[in-house]
Full PDB file with SEQRES, HELIX, SHEET, SSBOND, CRYST1, ORIGX, SCALE, CONECT and MASTER records, all heavy atoms in Angstrom:
SEQRES   1 A   42  LYS ALA LEU ASN LEU GLY HIS THR ALA GLY HIS ALA LEU          
SEQRES   2 A   42  GLU SER LEU ALA LEU ALA GLN GLY ARG PRO VAL LEU HIS          
SEQRES   3 A   42  GLY TYR ALA VAL ALA TRP GLY LEU VAL CYS GLU LEU TYR          
SEQRES   4 A   42  LEU SER PHE                                                  
HELIX    1 AA1 ALA A    2  ASN A    4  5                                   3    
HELIX    2 AA2 HIS A    7  ALA A   19  1                                  13    
HELIX    3 AA3 HIS A   26  SER A   41  1                                  16    
CRYST1    1.000    1.000    1.000  90.00  90.00  90.00 P 1           1          
ORIGX1      1.000000  0.000000  0.000000        0.00000                         
ORIGX2      0.000000  1.000000  0.000000        0.00000                         
ORIGX3      0.000000  0.000000  1.000000        0.00000                         
SCALE1      1.000000  0.000000  0.000000        0.00000                         
SCALE2      0.000000  1.000000  0.000000        0.00000                         
SCALE3      0.000000  0.000000  1.000000        0.00000                         
ATOM      1  N   LYS A   1       0.824  -1.209   0.000  1.00  0.00           N  
ATOM      2  CA  LYS A   1       0.000   0.000   0.000  1.00  0.00           C  
ATOM      3  C   LYS A   1       0.860   1.263   0.000  1.00  0.00           C  
ATOM      4  O   LYS A   1       0.370   2.352  -0.313  1.00  0.00           O  
ATOM      5  CB  LYS A   1      -0.938  -0.003   1.208  1.00  0.00           C  
ATOM      6  CG  LYS A   1      -1.982  -1.114   1.166  1.00  0.00           C  
ATOM      7  CD  LYS A   1      -2.840  -1.120   2.421  1.00  0.00           C  
ATOM      8  CE  LYS A   1      -3.828  -2.288   2.404  1.00  0.00           C  
ATOM      9  NZ  LYS A   1      -4.653  -2.332   3.630  1.00  0.00           N  
ATOM     10  N   ALA A   2       2.149   1.124   0.361  1.00  0.00           N  
ATOM     11  CA  ALA A   2       3.060   2.278   0.280  1.00  0.00           C  
ATOM     12  C   ALA A   2       3.100   2.847  -1.130  1.00  0.00           C  
ATOM     13  O   ALA A   2       3.277   4.058  -1.331  1.00  0.00           O  
ATOM     14  CB  ALA A   2       4.471   1.861   0.707  1.00  0.00           C  
ATOM     15  N   LEU A   3       2.914   1.981  -2.130  1.00  0.00           N  
ATOM     16  CA  LEU A   3       2.966   2.410  -3.532  1.00  0.00           C  
ATOM     17  C   LEU A   3       1.770   3.272  -3.914  1.00  0.00           C  
ATOM     18  O   LEU A   3       1.736   3.831  -5.011  1.00  0.00           O  
ATOM     19  CB  LEU A   3       3.055   1.189  -4.449  1.00  0.00           C  
ATOM     20  CG  LEU A   3       4.312   0.330  -4.273  1.00  0.00           C  
ATOM     21  CD1 LEU A   3       4.194  -0.970  -5.063  1.00  0.00           C  
ATOM     22  CD2 LEU A   3       5.564   1.102  -4.698  1.00  0.00           C  
ATOM     23  N   ASN A   4       0.789   3.378  -3.009  1.00  0.00           N  
ATOM     24  CA  ASN A   4      -0.385   4.211  -3.275  1.00  0.00           C  
ATOM     25  C   ASN A   4      -0.179   5.664  -2.864  1.00  0.00           C  
ATOM     26  O   ASN A   4      -1.087   6.481  -3.030  1.00  0.00           O  
ATOM     27  CB  ASN A   4      -1.609   3.645  -2.538  1.00  0.00           C  
ATOM     28  CG  ASN A   4      -2.035   2.305  -3.094  1.00  0.00           C  
ATOM     29  OD1 ASN A   4      -1.983   2.079  -4.297  1.00  0.00           O  
ATOM     30  ND2 ASN A   4      -2.439   1.392  -2.214  1.00  0.00           N  
ATOM     31  N   LEU A   5       0.985   6.000  -2.330  1.00  0.00           N  
ATOM     32  CA  LEU A   5       1.245   7.394  -1.954  1.00  0.00           C  
ATOM     33  C   LEU A   5       0.933   8.321  -3.143  1.00  0.00           C  
ATOM     34  O   LEU A   5       1.390   8.081  -4.260  1.00  0.00           O  
ATOM     35  CB  LEU A   5       2.710   7.563  -1.534  1.00  0.00           C  
ATOM     36  CG  LEU A   5       3.123   8.988  -1.148  1.00  0.00           C  
ATOM     37  CD1 LEU A   5       2.457   9.411   0.154  1.00  0.00           C  
ATOM     38  CD2 LEU A   5       4.647   9.103  -1.027  1.00  0.00           C  
ATOM     39  N   GLY A   6       0.150   9.344  -2.887  1.00  0.00           N  
ATOM     40  CA  GLY A   6      -0.201  10.306  -3.931  1.00  0.00           C  
ATOM     41  C   GLY A   6      -1.363   9.900  -4.812  1.00  0.00           C  
ATOM     42  O   GLY A   6      -1.860  10.712  -5.602  1.00  0.00           O  
ATOM     43  N   HIS A   7      -1.826   8.664  -4.658  1.00  0.00           N  
ATOM     44  CA  HIS A   7      -2.807   8.143  -5.613  1.00  0.00           C  
ATOM     45  C   HIS A   7      -4.261   8.330  -5.190  1.00  0.00           C  
ATOM     46  O   HIS A   7      -5.136   8.353  -6.055  1.00  0.00           O  
ATOM     47  CB  HIS A   7      -2.524   6.668  -5.899  1.00  0.00           C  
ATOM     48  CG  HIS A   7      -1.393   6.463  -6.858  1.00  0.00           C  
ATOM     49  ND1 HIS A   7      -0.108   6.854  -6.564  1.00  0.00           N  
ATOM     50  CD2 HIS A   7      -1.354   5.932  -8.106  1.00  0.00           C  
ATOM     51  CE1 HIS A   7       0.679   6.550  -7.596  1.00  0.00           C  
ATOM     52  NE2 HIS A   7      -0.064   6.004  -8.536  1.00  0.00           N  
ATOM     53  N   THR A   8      -4.544   8.435  -3.898  1.00  0.00           N  
ATOM     54  CA  THR A   8      -5.934   8.669  -3.503  1.00  0.00           C  
ATOM     55  C   THR A   8      -6.385  10.029  -4.024  1.00  0.00           C  
ATOM     56  O   THR A   8      -7.414  10.140  -4.706  1.00  0.00           O  
ATOM     57  CB  THR A   8      -6.091   8.577  -1.973  1.00  0.00           C  
ATOM     58  OG1 THR A   8      -5.684   7.274  -1.541  1.00  0.00           O  
ATOM     59  CG2 THR A   8      -7.530   8.814  -1.564  1.00  0.00           C  
ATOM     60  N   ALA A   9      -5.607  11.056  -3.726  1.00  0.00           N  
ATOM     61  CA  ALA A   9      -5.916  12.391  -4.245  1.00  0.00           C  
ATOM     62  C   ALA A   9      -5.662  12.456  -5.752  1.00  0.00           C  
ATOM     63  O   ALA A   9      -6.435  13.074  -6.494  1.00  0.00           O  
ATOM     64  CB  ALA A   9      -5.083  13.442  -3.518  1.00  0.00           C  
ATOM     65  N   GLY A  10      -4.583  11.806  -6.206  1.00  0.00           N  
ATOM     66  CA  GLY A  10      -4.225  11.862  -7.629  1.00  0.00           C  
ATOM     67  C   GLY A  10      -5.288  11.261  -8.528  1.00  0.00           C  
ATOM     68  O   GLY A  10      -5.656  11.842  -9.564  1.00  0.00           O  
ATOM     69  N   HIS A  11      -5.809  10.095  -8.154  1.00  0.00           N  
ATOM     70  CA  HIS A  11      -6.864   9.473  -8.954  1.00  0.00           C  
ATOM     71  C   HIS A  11      -8.127  10.336  -8.966  1.00  0.00           C  
ATOM     72  O   HIS A  11      -8.833  10.403  -9.981  1.00  0.00           O  
ATOM     73  CB  HIS A  11      -7.192   8.081  -8.423  1.00  0.00           C  
ATOM     74  CG  HIS A  11      -6.255   7.022  -8.908  1.00  0.00           C  
ATOM     75  ND1 HIS A  11      -6.106   5.810  -8.272  1.00  0.00           N  
ATOM     76  CD2 HIS A  11      -5.428   6.971  -9.991  1.00  0.00           C  
ATOM     77  CE1 HIS A  11      -5.221   5.076  -8.926  1.00  0.00           C  
ATOM     78  NE2 HIS A  11      -4.796   5.760  -9.964  1.00  0.00           N  
ATOM     79  N   ALA A  12      -8.424  10.998  -7.847  1.00  0.00           N  
ATOM     80  CA  ALA A  12      -9.592  11.878  -7.798  1.00  0.00           C  
ATOM     81  C   ALA A  12      -9.424  13.053  -8.761  1.00  0.00           C  
ATOM     82  O   ALA A  12     -10.348  13.397  -9.510  1.00  0.00           O  
ATOM     83  CB  ALA A  12      -9.812  12.378  -6.372  1.00  0.00           C  
ATOM     84  N   LEU A  13      -8.249  13.653  -8.766  1.00  0.00           N  
ATOM     85  CA  LEU A  13      -7.982  14.762  -9.693  1.00  0.00           C  
ATOM     86  C   LEU A  13      -8.030  14.276 -11.141  1.00  0.00           C  
ATOM     87  O   LEU A  13      -8.548  14.972 -12.019  1.00  0.00           O  
ATOM     88  CB  LEU A  13      -6.622  15.385  -9.380  1.00  0.00           C  
ATOM     89  CG  LEU A  13      -6.525  16.140  -8.048  1.00  0.00           C  
ATOM     90  CD1 LEU A  13      -5.068  16.428  -7.692  1.00  0.00           C  
ATOM     91  CD2 LEU A  13      -7.324  17.450  -8.109  1.00  0.00           C  
ATOM     92  N   GLU A  14      -7.503  13.080 -11.373  1.00  0.00           N  
ATOM     93  CA  GLU A  14      -7.515  12.509 -12.721  1.00  0.00           C  
ATOM     94  C   GLU A  14      -8.951  12.247 -13.183  1.00  0.00           C  
ATOM     95  O   GLU A  14      -9.302  12.519 -14.341  1.00  0.00           O  
ATOM     96  CB  GLU A  14      -6.699  11.216 -12.721  1.00  0.00           C  
ATOM     97  CG  GLU A  14      -6.362  10.677 -14.082  1.00  0.00           C  
ATOM     98  CD  GLU A  14      -5.382   9.507 -14.018  1.00  0.00           C  
ATOM     99  OE1 GLU A  14      -5.019   9.077 -12.907  1.00  0.00           O  
ATOM    100  OE2 GLU A  14      -5.008   9.010 -15.091  1.00  0.00           O  
ATOM    101  N   SER A  15      -9.781  11.721 -12.291  1.00  0.00           N  
ATOM    102  CA  SER A  15     -11.181  11.450 -12.629  1.00  0.00           C  
ATOM    103  C   SER A  15     -11.940  12.754 -12.890  1.00  0.00           C  
ATOM    104  O   SER A  15     -12.766  12.826 -13.810  1.00  0.00           O  
ATOM    105  CB  SER A  15     -11.854  10.661 -11.508  1.00  0.00           C  
ATOM    106  OG  SER A  15     -11.265   9.383 -11.372  1.00  0.00           O  
ATOM    107  N   LEU A  16     -11.669  13.766 -12.077  1.00  0.00           N  
ATOM    108  CA  LEU A  16     -12.310  15.067 -12.283  1.00  0.00           C  
ATOM    109  C   LEU A  16     -11.928  15.640 -13.640  1.00  0.00           C  
ATOM    110  O   LEU A  16     -12.784  16.145 -14.383  1.00  0.00           O  
ATOM    111  CB  LEU A  16     -11.907  16.037 -11.171  1.00  0.00           C  
ATOM    112  CG  LEU A  16     -12.462  17.464 -11.301  1.00  0.00           C  
ATOM    113  CD1 LEU A  16     -13.977  17.477 -11.160  1.00  0.00           C  
ATOM    114  CD2 LEU A  16     -11.822  18.395 -10.261  1.00  0.00           C  
ATOM    115  N   ALA A  17     -10.647  15.569 -13.974  1.00  0.00           N  
ATOM    116  CA  ALA A  17     -10.184  16.084 -15.259  1.00  0.00           C  
ATOM    117  C   ALA A  17     -10.881  15.380 -16.417  1.00  0.00           C  
ATOM    118  O   ALA A  17     -11.295  16.012 -17.402  1.00  0.00           O  
ATOM    119  CB  ALA A  17      -8.666  15.914 -15.364  1.00  0.00           C  
ATOM    120  N   LEU A  18     -11.025  14.067 -16.302  1.00  0.00           N  
ATOM    121  CA  LEU A  18     -11.688  13.291 -17.350  1.00  0.00           C  
ATOM    122  C   LEU A  18     -13.157  13.682 -17.463  1.00  0.00           C  
ATOM    123  O   LEU A  18     -13.683  13.867 -18.570  1.00  0.00           O  
ATOM    124  CB  LEU A  18     -11.553  11.799 -17.041  1.00  0.00           C  
ATOM    125  CG  LEU A  18     -11.728  10.813 -18.194  1.00  0.00           C  
ATOM    126  CD1 LEU A  18     -10.733  11.075 -19.304  1.00  0.00           C  
ATOM    127  CD2 LEU A  18     -11.579   9.380 -17.680  1.00  0.00           C  
ATOM    128  N   ALA A  19     -13.819  13.836 -16.318  1.00  0.00           N  
ATOM    129  CA  ALA A  19     -15.240  14.200 -16.312  1.00  0.00           C  
ATOM    130  C   ALA A  19     -15.469  15.581 -16.909  1.00  0.00           C  
ATOM    131  O   ALA A  19     -16.525  15.850 -17.502  1.00  0.00           O  
ATOM    132  CB  ALA A  19     -15.787  14.150 -14.882  1.00  0.00           C  
ATOM    133  N   GLN A  20     -14.482  16.461 -16.763  1.00  0.00           N  
ATOM    134  CA  GLN A  20     -14.607  17.832 -17.275  1.00  0.00           C  
ATOM    135  C   GLN A  20     -14.163  17.963 -18.727  1.00  0.00           C  
ATOM    136  O   GLN A  20     -14.194  19.052 -19.295  1.00  0.00           O  
ATOM    137  CB  GLN A  20     -13.790  18.784 -16.409  1.00  0.00           C  
ATOM    138  CG  GLN A  20     -14.328  18.942 -14.995  1.00  0.00           C  
ATOM    139  CD  GLN A  20     -13.483  19.882 -14.163  1.00  0.00           C  
ATOM    140  OE1 GLN A  20     -12.295  20.097 -14.445  1.00  0.00           O  
ATOM    141  NE2 GLN A  20     -14.079  20.458 -13.135  1.00  0.00           N  
ATOM    142  N   GLY A  21     -13.721  16.858 -19.315  1.00  0.00           N  
ATOM    143  CA  GLY A  21     -13.263  16.912 -20.700  1.00  0.00           C  
ATOM    144  C   GLY A  21     -11.909  17.565 -20.865  1.00  0.00           C  
ATOM    145  O   GLY A  21     -11.574  18.058 -21.944  1.00  0.00           O  
ATOM    146  N   ARG A  22     -11.105  17.574 -19.796  1.00  0.00           N  
ATOM    147  CA  ARG A  22      -9.728  18.102 -19.885  1.00  0.00           C  
ATOM    148  C   ARG A  22      -8.770  17.059 -19.317  1.00  0.00           C  
ATOM    149  O   ARG A  22      -8.095  17.286 -18.322  1.00  0.00           O  
ATOM    150  CB  ARG A  22      -9.577  19.436 -19.143  1.00  0.00           C  
ATOM    151  CG  ARG A  22     -10.122  19.458 -17.717  1.00  0.00           C  
ATOM    152  CD  ARG A  22      -9.650  20.694 -16.960  1.00  0.00           C  
ATOM    153  NE  ARG A  22     -10.189  20.754 -15.613  1.00  0.00           N  
ATOM    154  CZ  ARG A  22      -9.677  21.512 -14.637  1.00  0.00           C  
ATOM    155  NH1 ARG A  22      -8.605  22.249 -14.864  1.00  0.00           N  
ATOM    156  NH2 ARG A  22     -10.229  21.521 -13.431  1.00  0.00           N  
ATOM    157  N   PRO A  23      -8.719  15.873 -19.943  1.00  0.00           N  
ATOM    158  CA  PRO A  23      -7.923  14.775 -19.386  1.00  0.00           C  
ATOM    159  C   PRO A  23      -6.462  15.151 -19.203  1.00  0.00           C  
ATOM    160  O   PRO A  23      -5.900  15.928 -19.986  1.00  0.00           O  
ATOM    161  CB  PRO A  23      -8.088  13.648 -20.412  1.00  0.00           C  
ATOM    162  CG  PRO A  23      -8.546  14.312 -21.661  1.00  0.00           C  
ATOM    163  CD  PRO A  23      -9.322  15.509 -21.236  1.00  0.00           C  
ATOM    164  N   VAL A  24      -5.852  14.607 -18.146  1.00  0.00           N  
ATOM    165  CA  VAL A  24      -4.439  14.844 -17.854  1.00  0.00           C  
ATOM    166  C   VAL A  24      -3.710  13.505 -17.835  1.00  0.00           C  
ATOM    167  O   VAL A  24      -4.318  12.461 -17.617  1.00  0.00           O  
ATOM    168  CB  VAL A  24      -4.254  15.570 -16.510  1.00  0.00           C  
ATOM    169  CG1 VAL A  24      -4.900  16.946 -16.536  1.00  0.00           C  
ATOM    170  CG2 VAL A  24      -4.810  14.735 -15.350  1.00  0.00           C  
ATOM    171  N   LEU A  25      -2.420  13.547 -18.057  1.00  0.00           N  
ATOM    172  CA  LEU A  25      -1.619  12.340 -17.971  1.00  0.00           C  
ATOM    173  C   LEU A  25      -1.577  11.855 -16.524  1.00  0.00           C  
ATOM    174  O   LEU A  25      -1.552  12.656 -15.580  1.00  0.00           O  
ATOM    175  CB  LEU A  25      -0.194  12.611 -18.468  1.00  0.00           C  
ATOM    176  CG  LEU A  25      -0.060  12.898 -19.966  1.00  0.00           C  
ATOM    177  CD1 LEU A  25       1.362  13.351 -20.293  1.00  0.00           C  
ATOM    178  CD2 LEU A  25      -0.418  11.668 -20.789  1.00  0.00           C  
ATOM    179  N   HIS A  26      -1.564  10.538 -16.367  1.00  0.00           N  
ATOM    180  CA  HIS A  26      -1.629   9.941 -15.024  1.00  0.00           C  
ATOM    181  C   HIS A  26      -0.550  10.492 -14.104  1.00  0.00           C  
ATOM    182  O   HIS A  26      -0.815  10.821 -12.941  1.00  0.00           O  
ATOM    183  CB  HIS A  26      -1.494   8.417 -15.145  1.00  0.00           C  
ATOM    184  CG  HIS A  26      -1.388   7.712 -13.828  1.00  0.00           C  
ATOM    185  ND1 HIS A  26      -2.447   7.622 -12.942  1.00  0.00           N  
ATOM    186  CD2 HIS A  26      -0.344   7.080 -13.227  1.00  0.00           C  
ATOM    187  CE1 HIS A  26      -2.063   6.961 -11.869  1.00  0.00           C  
ATOM    188  NE2 HIS A  26      -0.797   6.615 -12.009  1.00  0.00           N  
ATOM    189  N   GLY A  27       0.683  10.594 -14.603  1.00  0.00           N  
ATOM    190  CA  GLY A  27       1.776  11.043 -13.747  1.00  0.00           C  
ATOM    191  C   GLY A  27       1.618  12.474 -13.276  1.00  0.00           C  
ATOM    192  O   GLY A  27       2.053  12.818 -12.171  1.00  0.00           O  
ATOM    193  N   TYR A  28       1.003  13.316 -14.076  1.00  0.00           N  
ATOM    194  CA  TYR A  28       0.725  14.685 -13.638  1.00  0.00           C  
ATOM    195  C   TYR A  28      -0.239  14.657 -12.452  1.00  0.00           C  
ATOM    196  O   TYR A  28      -0.040  15.370 -11.456  1.00  0.00           O  
ATOM    197  CB  TYR A  28       0.135  15.500 -14.790  1.00  0.00           C  
ATOM    198  CG  TYR A  28       1.166  16.069 -15.737  1.00  0.00           C  
ATOM    199  CD1 TYR A  28       1.949  15.247 -16.518  1.00  0.00           C  
ATOM    200  CD2 TYR A  28       1.359  17.441 -15.845  1.00  0.00           C  
ATOM    201  CE1 TYR A  28       2.900  15.758 -17.380  1.00  0.00           C  
ATOM    202  CE2 TYR A  28       2.301  17.982 -16.713  1.00  0.00           C  
ATOM    203  CZ  TYR A  28       3.074  17.132 -17.475  1.00  0.00           C  
ATOM    204  OH  TYR A  28       4.021  17.651 -18.339  1.00  0.00           O  
ATOM    205  N   ALA A  29      -1.283  13.823 -12.561  1.00  0.00           N  
ATOM    206  CA  ALA A  29      -2.238  13.705 -11.454  1.00  0.00           C  
ATOM    207  C   ALA A  29      -1.546  13.163 -10.211  1.00  0.00           C  
ATOM    208  O   ALA A  29      -1.829  13.604  -9.084  1.00  0.00           O  
ATOM    209  CB  ALA A  29      -3.395  12.799 -11.865  1.00  0.00           C  
ATOM    210  N   VAL A  30      -0.624  12.218 -10.385  1.00  0.00           N  
ATOM    211  CA  VAL A  30       0.122  11.673  -9.245  1.00  0.00           C  
ATOM    212  C   VAL A  30       0.999  12.762  -8.613  1.00  0.00           C  
ATOM    213  O   VAL A  30       1.073  12.874  -7.380  1.00  0.00           O  
ATOM    214  CB  VAL A  30       0.978  10.465  -9.674  1.00  0.00           C  
ATOM    215  CG1 VAL A  30       1.962  10.068  -8.573  1.00  0.00           C  
ATOM    216  CG2 VAL A  30       0.086   9.286 -10.021  1.00  0.00           C  
ATOM    217  N   ALA A  31       1.651  13.574  -9.441  1.00  0.00           N  
ATOM    218  CA  ALA A  31       2.494  14.655  -8.918  1.00  0.00           C  
ATOM    219  C   ALA A  31       1.666  15.607  -8.058  1.00  0.00           C  
ATOM    220  O   ALA A  31       2.064  15.984  -6.946  1.00  0.00           O  
ATOM    221  CB  ALA A  31       3.162  15.410 -10.060  1.00  0.00           C  
ATOM    222  N   TRP A  32       0.508  15.994  -8.565  1.00  0.00           N  
ATOM    223  CA  TRP A  32      -0.378  16.869  -7.776  1.00  0.00           C  
ATOM    224  C   TRP A  32      -0.913  16.129  -6.554  1.00  0.00           C  
ATOM    225  O   TRP A  32      -1.062  16.720  -5.488  1.00  0.00           O  
ATOM    226  CB  TRP A  32      -1.524  17.364  -8.664  1.00  0.00           C  
ATOM    227  CG  TRP A  32      -1.055  18.204  -9.825  1.00  0.00           C  
ATOM    228  CD1 TRP A  32      -0.021  19.106  -9.822  1.00  0.00           C  
ATOM    229  CD2 TRP A  32      -1.574  18.198 -11.155  1.00  0.00           C  
ATOM    230  NE1 TRP A  32       0.123  19.671 -11.070  1.00  0.00           N  
ATOM    231  CE2 TRP A  32      -0.812  19.139 -11.917  1.00  0.00           C  
ATOM    232  CE3 TRP A  32      -2.607  17.511 -11.801  1.00  0.00           C  
ATOM    233  CZ2 TRP A  32      -1.063  19.387 -13.270  1.00  0.00           C  
ATOM    234  CZ3 TRP A  32      -2.858  17.763 -13.146  1.00  0.00           C  
ATOM    235  CH2 TRP A  32      -2.090  18.694 -13.870  1.00  0.00           C  
ATOM    236  N   GLY A  33      -1.188  14.832  -6.709  1.00  0.00           N  
ATOM    237  CA  GLY A  33      -1.636  14.031  -5.577  1.00  0.00           C  
ATOM    238  C   GLY A  33      -0.577  13.942  -4.488  1.00  0.00           C  
ATOM    239  O   GLY A  33      -0.906  13.913  -3.290  1.00  0.00           O  
ATOM    240  N   LEU A  34       0.693  13.887  -4.882  1.00  0.00           N  
ATOM    241  CA  LEU A  34       1.784  13.869  -3.900  1.00  0.00           C  
ATOM    242  C   LEU A  34       1.792  15.152  -3.076  1.00  0.00           C  
ATOM    243  O   LEU A  34       1.993  15.125  -1.852  1.00  0.00           O  
ATOM    244  CB  LEU A  34       3.132  13.683  -4.603  1.00  0.00           C  
ATOM    245  CG  LEU A  34       3.436  12.296  -5.162  1.00  0.00           C  
ATOM    246  CD1 LEU A  34       4.709  12.316  -6.005  1.00  0.00           C  
ATOM    247  CD2 LEU A  34       3.567  11.258  -4.040  1.00  0.00           C  
ATOM    248  N   VAL A  35       1.579  16.285  -3.736  1.00  0.00           N  
ATOM    249  CA  VAL A  35       1.511  17.557  -3.010  1.00  0.00           C  
ATOM    250  C   VAL A  35       0.396  17.497  -1.968  1.00  0.00           C  
ATOM    251  O   VAL A  35       0.586  17.857  -0.799  1.00  0.00           O  
ATOM    252  CB  VAL A  35       1.282  18.729  -3.996  1.00  0.00           C  
ATOM    253  CG1 VAL A  35       0.939  20.013  -3.237  1.00  0.00           C  
ATOM    254  CG2 VAL A  35       2.514  18.942  -4.870  1.00  0.00           C  
ATOM    255  N   CYS A  36      -0.776  17.013  -2.406  1.00  0.00           N  
ATOM    256  CA  CYS A  36      -1.914  16.911  -1.482  1.00  0.00           C  
ATOM    257  C   CYS A  36      -1.579  16.025  -0.288  1.00  0.00           C  
ATOM    258  O   CYS A  36      -1.800  16.405   0.881  1.00  0.00           O  
ATOM    259  CB  CYS A  36      -3.122  16.323  -2.210  1.00  0.00           C  
ATOM    260  SG  CYS A  36      -3.875  17.385  -3.456  1.00  0.00           S  
ATOM    261  N   GLU A  37      -1.049  14.848  -0.563  1.00  0.00           N  
ATOM    262  CA  GLU A  37      -0.892  13.859   0.503  1.00  0.00           C  
ATOM    263  C   GLU A  37       0.347  14.103   1.361  1.00  0.00           C  
ATOM    264  O   GLU A  37       0.388  13.682   2.515  1.00  0.00           O  
ATOM    265  CB  GLU A  37      -0.926  12.456  -0.106  1.00  0.00           C  
ATOM    266  CG  GLU A  37      -2.316  12.171  -0.672  1.00  0.00           C  
ATOM    267  CD  GLU A  37      -2.481  10.814  -1.292  1.00  0.00           C  
ATOM    268  OE1 GLU A  37      -1.729   9.870  -0.939  1.00  0.00           O  
ATOM    269  OE2 GLU A  37      -3.371  10.674  -2.154  1.00  0.00           O  
ATOM    270  N   LEU A  38       1.332  14.824   0.825  1.00  0.00           N  
ATOM    271  CA  LEU A  38       2.443  15.240   1.689  1.00  0.00           C  
ATOM    272  C   LEU A  38       1.961  16.325   2.655  1.00  0.00           C  
ATOM    273  O   LEU A  38       2.417  16.386   3.808  1.00  0.00           O  
ATOM    274  CB  LEU A  38       3.628  15.731   0.863  1.00  0.00           C  
ATOM    275  CG  LEU A  38       4.387  14.660   0.079  1.00  0.00           C  
ATOM    276  CD1 LEU A  38       5.582  15.282  -0.645  1.00  0.00           C  
ATOM    277  CD2 LEU A  38       4.866  13.509   0.972  1.00  0.00           C  
ATOM    278  N   TYR A  39       1.036  17.168   2.189  1.00  0.00           N  
ATOM    279  CA  TYR A  39       0.461  18.151   3.116  1.00  0.00           C  
ATOM    280  C   TYR A  39      -0.360  17.447   4.189  1.00  0.00           C  
ATOM    281  O   TYR A  39      -0.269  17.786   5.382  1.00  0.00           O  
ATOM    282  CB  TYR A  39      -0.403  19.176   2.379  1.00  0.00           C  
ATOM    283  CG  TYR A  39      -1.028  20.173   3.325  1.00  0.00           C  
ATOM    284  CD1 TYR A  39      -0.262  21.181   3.906  1.00  0.00           C  
ATOM    285  CD2 TYR A  39      -2.375  20.090   3.681  1.00  0.00           C  
ATOM    286  CE1 TYR A  39      -0.804  22.081   4.809  1.00  0.00           C  
ATOM    287  CE2 TYR A  39      -2.931  20.987   4.586  1.00  0.00           C  
ATOM    288  CZ  TYR A  39      -2.146  21.978   5.140  1.00  0.00           C  
ATOM    289  OH  TYR A  39      -2.676  22.864   6.047  1.00  0.00           O  
ATOM    290  N   LEU A  40      -1.146  16.456   3.787  1.00  0.00           N  
ATOM    291  CA  LEU A  40      -1.913  15.686   4.765  1.00  0.00           C  
ATOM    292  C   LEU A  40      -0.966  14.963   5.734  1.00  0.00           C  
ATOM    293  O   LEU A  40      -1.237  14.862   6.927  1.00  0.00           O  
ATOM    294  CB  LEU A  40      -2.814  14.684   4.046  1.00  0.00           C  
ATOM    295  CG  LEU A  40      -3.920  14.020   4.865  1.00  0.00           C  
ATOM    296  CD1 LEU A  40      -4.853  15.055   5.486  1.00  0.00           C  
ATOM    297  CD2 LEU A  40      -4.709  13.048   3.990  1.00  0.00           C  
ATOM    298  N   SER A  41       0.171  14.502   5.206  1.00  0.00           N  
ATOM    299  CA  SER A  41       1.190  13.889   6.061  1.00  0.00           C  
ATOM    300  C   SER A  41       1.745  14.906   7.059  1.00  0.00           C  
ATOM    301  O   SER A  41       1.997  14.571   8.234  1.00  0.00           O  
ATOM    302  CB  SER A  41       2.339  13.333   5.200  1.00  0.00           C  
ATOM    303  OG  SER A  41       1.904  12.290   4.364  1.00  0.00           O  
ATOM    304  N   PHE A  42       1.947  16.121   6.600  1.00  0.00           N  
ATOM    305  CA  PHE A  42       2.407  17.198   7.489  1.00  0.00           C  
ATOM    306  C   PHE A  42       1.390  17.423   8.612  1.00  0.00           C  
ATOM    307  O   PHE A  42       1.751  17.551   9.796  1.00  0.00           O  
ATOM    308  CB  PHE A  42       2.609  18.470   6.664  1.00  0.00           C  
ATOM    309  CG  PHE A  42       2.738  19.729   7.463  1.00  0.00           C  
ATOM    310  CD1 PHE A  42       3.870  19.972   8.234  1.00  0.00           C  
ATOM    311  CD2 PHE A  42       1.724  20.681   7.438  1.00  0.00           C  
ATOM    312  CE1 PHE A  42       3.981  21.151   8.985  1.00  0.00           C  
ATOM    313  CE2 PHE A  42       1.832  21.847   8.180  1.00  0.00           C  
ATOM    314  CZ  PHE A  42       2.960  22.078   8.947  1.00  0.00           C  
TER     315      PHE A  42                                                      
MASTER        0    0    0    3    0    0    0    6  314    1    0    4          
END                                                                             
């Protein structure tokens, strides 16, 4: 489950982007997800 770091928030952002018709590359969503979850870690 350590490999899921950044992915709970990242997948949500990725799904939102897809729903809005502005799809993003998976790794971009993961990068933004890392920011979210490192803040939650803080």
